[in-house]
Protein backbone atom coordinates (compact mmCIF):
# COMPACT_ATOMS: atom_id res chain seq x y z
CA MET A 1 -24.34 20.75 -5.25
CA THR A 2 -24.17 18.26 -8.13
CA ILE A 3 -21.39 15.69 -8.11
CA GLU A 4 -19.87 14.84 -11.47
CA ARG A 5 -19.85 11.04 -11.78
CA ARG A 6 -16.84 9.69 -13.60
CA LEU A 7 -14.21 6.96 -13.41
CA ALA A 8 -10.54 6.92 -14.26
CA HIS A 9 -8.16 3.97 -14.40
CA SER A 10 -4.50 4.03 -13.48
CA GLY A 11 -1.87 1.35 -13.35
CA PHE A 12 1.82 1.18 -12.54
CA THR A 13 4.62 -1.21 -11.67
CA LEU A 14 7.49 -0.36 -9.32
CA THR A 15 10.54 -2.58 -8.81
CA ARG A 16 13.26 -2.17 -6.22
CA ASP A 17 16.22 -4.35 -5.25
CA TYR A 18 16.96 -4.55 -1.52
CA PRO A 19 20.39 -5.81 -0.38
CA VAL A 20 18.89 -8.06 2.31
CA PRO A 21 17.61 -11.66 2.36
CA LEU A 22 14.16 -12.33 0.93
CA GLU A 23 12.85 -13.49 4.32
CA ARG A 24 13.69 -10.09 5.83
CA VAL A 25 11.71 -8.24 3.15
CA TRP A 26 8.81 -10.70 3.45
CA ASP A 27 8.68 -10.33 7.23
CA ALA A 28 8.38 -6.56 6.86
CA PHE A 29 4.94 -7.25 5.38
CA ALA A 30 3.95 -10.44 7.23
CA ASP A 31 4.84 -9.41 10.81
CA GLU A 32 2.58 -6.75 12.35
CA GLN A 33 5.23 -5.05 14.49
CA GLN A 34 7.60 -4.81 11.54
CA LYS A 35 4.93 -3.46 9.21
CA GLN A 36 3.93 -0.80 11.74
CA ALA A 37 7.57 0.29 11.96
CA TRP A 38 7.71 1.46 8.33
CA TRP A 39 4.18 1.65 6.88
CA GLY A 40 2.64 5.11 6.63
CA ALA A 41 3.85 8.66 6.35
CA GLY A 42 5.93 8.97 9.51
CA ASP A 43 5.74 12.30 11.28
CA THR A 44 3.31 13.84 8.78
CA VAL A 45 0.40 11.68 9.97
CA GLU A 46 -1.33 11.25 13.32
CA PRO A 47 -2.16 7.50 13.46
CA GLY A 48 -5.78 6.42 13.78
CA GLU A 49 -7.42 3.01 13.48
CA TRP A 50 -5.09 0.08 12.72
CA ALA A 51 -5.98 -3.56 12.07
CA PHE A 52 -3.69 -6.34 10.83
CA ASP A 53 -4.86 -9.83 9.82
CA PHE A 54 -2.23 -11.34 7.52
CA ARG A 55 -4.01 -14.36 6.00
CA VAL A 56 -6.05 -15.05 2.88
CA GLY A 57 -9.38 -13.36 3.56
CA GLY A 58 -7.84 -11.24 6.33
CA ARG A 59 -8.19 -7.46 6.41
CA ASP A 60 -5.82 -4.60 7.11
CA VAL A 61 -6.94 -1.11 8.09
CA ALA A 62 -4.66 1.92 8.35
CA GLU A 63 -6.18 5.30 9.08
CA GLY A 64 -4.39 8.54 9.78
CA THR A 65 -4.92 12.27 9.91
CA PHE A 66 -2.45 14.38 7.96
CA HIS A 67 -1.27 17.41 9.92
CA ASP A 68 -2.53 19.66 7.13
CA GLY A 69 -6.04 18.27 7.51
CA PRO A 70 -7.42 15.29 5.61
CA VAL A 71 -8.09 11.85 7.07
CA SER A 72 -6.83 8.98 4.91
CA ARG A 73 -8.25 5.47 5.32
CA TYR A 74 -6.88 2.28 3.71
CA GLU A 75 -8.84 -1.00 3.92
CA ALA A 76 -7.32 -4.08 2.27
CA THR A 77 -8.34 -7.71 1.92
CA TYR A 78 -5.68 -10.33 1.27
CA THR A 79 -6.85 -12.42 -1.70
CA ASP A 80 -3.71 -14.53 -2.21
CA ILE A 81 -0.60 -15.20 -0.12
CA VAL A 82 2.19 -17.56 -1.13
CA GLU A 83 4.90 -17.38 1.51
CA HIS A 84 8.11 -15.74 0.29
CA VAL A 85 6.66 -15.48 -3.24
CA ARG A 86 3.67 -13.11 -3.47
CA ILE A 87 0.93 -11.16 -1.73
CA VAL A 88 -2.18 -10.00 -3.60
CA THR A 89 -4.68 -7.55 -2.13
CA THR A 90 -7.73 -5.62 -3.11
CA TYR A 91 -8.00 -2.35 -1.29
CA ASP A 92 -10.14 0.75 -0.96
CA MET A 93 -9.07 4.27 -0.06
CA TRP A 94 -11.12 7.03 1.53
CA LEU A 95 -10.23 10.67 2.00
CA ASP A 96 -12.22 12.53 4.67
CA GLY A 97 -14.82 9.76 4.54
CA ILE A 98 -15.32 9.91 0.77
CA HIS A 99 -14.59 6.70 -1.17
CA MET A 100 -11.86 7.68 -3.62
CA SER A 101 -10.64 4.42 -5.18
CA THR A 102 -10.54 0.64 -5.38
CA SER A 103 -7.32 -1.13 -6.39
CA VAL A 104 -5.78 -4.53 -6.94
CA ALA A 105 -2.13 -4.78 -5.94
CA SER A 106 0.34 -7.63 -6.33
CA LEU A 107 3.58 -7.75 -4.37
CA GLU A 108 6.25 -10.15 -5.64
CA PHE A 109 9.42 -11.25 -3.85
CA GLU A 110 12.33 -12.72 -5.83
CA ARG A 111 15.77 -13.85 -4.66
CA ILE A 112 18.61 -12.22 -6.56
CA ASP A 113 22.38 -12.49 -6.16
CA ARG A 114 22.61 -9.40 -3.97
CA GLY A 115 19.40 -9.77 -1.96
CA THR A 116 15.75 -9.41 -2.94
CA ARG A 117 13.92 -7.95 -5.90
CA PHE A 118 10.54 -6.56 -4.84
CA THR A 119 7.90 -5.73 -7.45
CA HIS A 120 4.67 -3.87 -6.71
CA ALA A 121 2.12 -3.86 -9.56
CA GLU A 122 -1.20 -2.09 -9.17
CA HIS A 123 -4.33 -1.18 -11.07
CA GLY A 124 -6.79 1.29 -9.58
CA VAL A 125 -10.16 2.76 -10.37
CA PHE A 126 -10.61 6.34 -9.16
CA PHE A 127 -14.07 7.76 -8.52
CA ASP A 128 -15.73 11.08 -9.28
CA ARG A 129 -13.72 14.06 -7.99
CA PHE A 130 -10.66 11.82 -7.48
CA TRP A 131 -10.52 10.79 -11.14
CA ALA A 132 -7.11 12.45 -11.68
CA ASP A 133 -5.40 10.99 -8.57
CA GLY A 134 -3.71 8.01 -10.27
CA PRO A 135 -0.26 9.68 -10.44
CA ASN A 136 -0.53 10.56 -6.74
CA ARG A 137 -1.15 6.89 -5.89
CA GLU A 138 2.05 5.90 -7.69
CA LYS A 139 3.93 8.68 -5.87
CA GLY A 140 2.53 7.54 -2.51
CA THR A 141 3.43 3.92 -3.20
CA ARG A 142 6.94 4.96 -4.24
CA GLY A 143 7.20 6.70 -0.84
CA LEU A 144 6.18 3.47 0.93
CA ILE A 145 8.80 1.50 -1.00
CA GLU A 146 11.43 4.06 -0.01
CA ALA A 147 10.29 3.88 3.63
CA LEU A 148 10.64 0.08 3.44
CA GLY A 149 14.18 0.51 2.10
CA LYS A 150 15.12 2.77 5.03
CA TYR A 151 13.58 0.30 7.47
CA LEU A 152 15.54 -2.62 5.96
CA ALA A 153 18.86 -0.70 5.91
């Protein structure tokens, strides 16, 4: 079978205001136990490998098997961390062992009158058969931001 080789680029920015102090939102990313409490797809995924090393140069791994079949694997490297201000990562995604994308994501934390404004900006490159998956990445990230909101409530 011949694999069609192609690339597609996708970018998006999502912003959400959380009615809690900035430190609480930050800790949901910086503290391993807190991140495990909200990160992922909940009951739709059987957890697999997990690694958490929150420091510049550190790596995170989150792997899980969806109940309808595929195995998803996320591997991130922290490239910049400024406490209570920003987190920047590069990360790769695999689906059933096939490398599907590489992305750069920036997470920004801003104090506002009623809590914290959180902004997630991302640019991804999608490979070969996954070339059309950019909109799904935004949808998945939106789901994570909603999960974070429920966790913080």
